[in-house]
C-alpha cells in the first residue's frame, strides 16, 4: 500500500512527508485510516492458530 501512496518507482529519491504509523492511524486520531496489512495478517494467522487448537486439530 505504501508504494501506491508514495509512488516508489526506484528511479528518483522520493521523500515521504509522513511516516507509515501516522497513515495507518484512525481518522479520529489524525491519520488516514488505511489499514496496516502486516498487522491484519498477523491477527488473522493468530485467530487460525487459536481455532485450530480449540477444535482439536480440525481445519
Protein backbone atom coordinates (compact mmCIF):
# COMPACT_ATOMS: atom_id res chain seq x y z
CA UNK A 1 0.00 0.00 0.00
CA UNK A 2 2.86 2.38 0.67
CA UNK A 3 4.06 2.07 -2.94
CA UNK A 4 0.64 3.23 -4.10
CA UNK A 5 0.72 6.28 -1.81
CA UNK A 6 4.29 7.38 -2.43
CA UNK A 7 4.97 6.03 -5.94
CA UNK A 8 8.28 4.36 -5.10
CA UNK A 9 9.49 3.71 -8.63
CA UNK A 10 13.15 3.45 -7.60
CA UNK A 11 14.42 5.96 -10.15
CA UNK A 12 14.32 9.15 -8.07
CA UNK A 13 14.74 9.89 -4.41
CA UNK A 14 11.22 10.26 -3.08
CA UNK A 15 10.67 11.95 0.25
CA UNK A 16 7.93 10.62 2.47
CA UNK A 17 6.17 13.51 4.12
CA UNK A 18 4.51 11.38 6.81
CA UNK A 19 5.50 8.09 8.45
CA UNK A 20 3.55 4.88 7.93
CA UNK A 21 2.32 4.75 11.54
CA UNK A 22 0.58 8.11 11.05
CA UNK A 23 -1.01 6.93 7.80
CA UNK A 24 -2.37 3.78 9.49
CA UNK A 25 -3.75 5.72 12.46
CA UNK A 26 -7.52 6.02 12.71
CA UNK A 27 -9.15 9.13 11.25
CA UNK A 28 -10.42 10.17 14.68
CA UNK A 29 -6.81 10.48 15.85
CA UNK A 30 -5.49 12.39 12.83
CA UNK A 31 -4.49 9.56 10.48
CA UNK A 32 -5.78 8.48 7.10
CA UNK A 33 -7.42 5.27 8.34
CA UNK A 34 -5.56 2.98 5.93
CA UNK A 35 -5.23 -0.48 7.48
CA UNK A 36 -1.80 -1.90 8.24
CA UNK A 37 -1.85 -5.14 6.24
CA UNK A 38 1.04 -6.69 8.17
CA UNK A 39 -0.87 -6.28 11.43
CA UNK A 40 -4.11 -7.59 9.91
CA UNK A 41 -2.29 -10.63 8.53
CA UNK A 42 -0.76 -11.44 11.94
CA UNK A 43 -4.18 -11.15 13.60
CA UNK A 44 -5.73 -13.50 11.04
CA UNK A 45 -2.95 -16.06 11.43
CA UNK A 46 -3.26 -15.94 15.21
CA UNK A 47 -7.00 -16.48 15.04
CA UNK A 48 -6.45 -19.54 12.82
CA UNK A 49 -3.93 -20.97 15.29
CA UNK A 50 -6.35 -20.38 18.16
CA UNK A 51 -9.22 -22.02 16.25
CA UNK A 52 -7.01 -24.98 15.31
CA UNK A 53 -6.02 -25.51 18.95
CA UNK A 54 -9.58 -25.21 20.27
CA UNK A 55 -11.17 -27.52 17.68
CA UNK A 56 -8.81 -30.46 18.31
CA UNK A 57 -6.90 -30.02 15.07
CA UNK A 58 -9.85 -29.66 12.66
CA UNK A 59 -9.21 -27.32 9.79
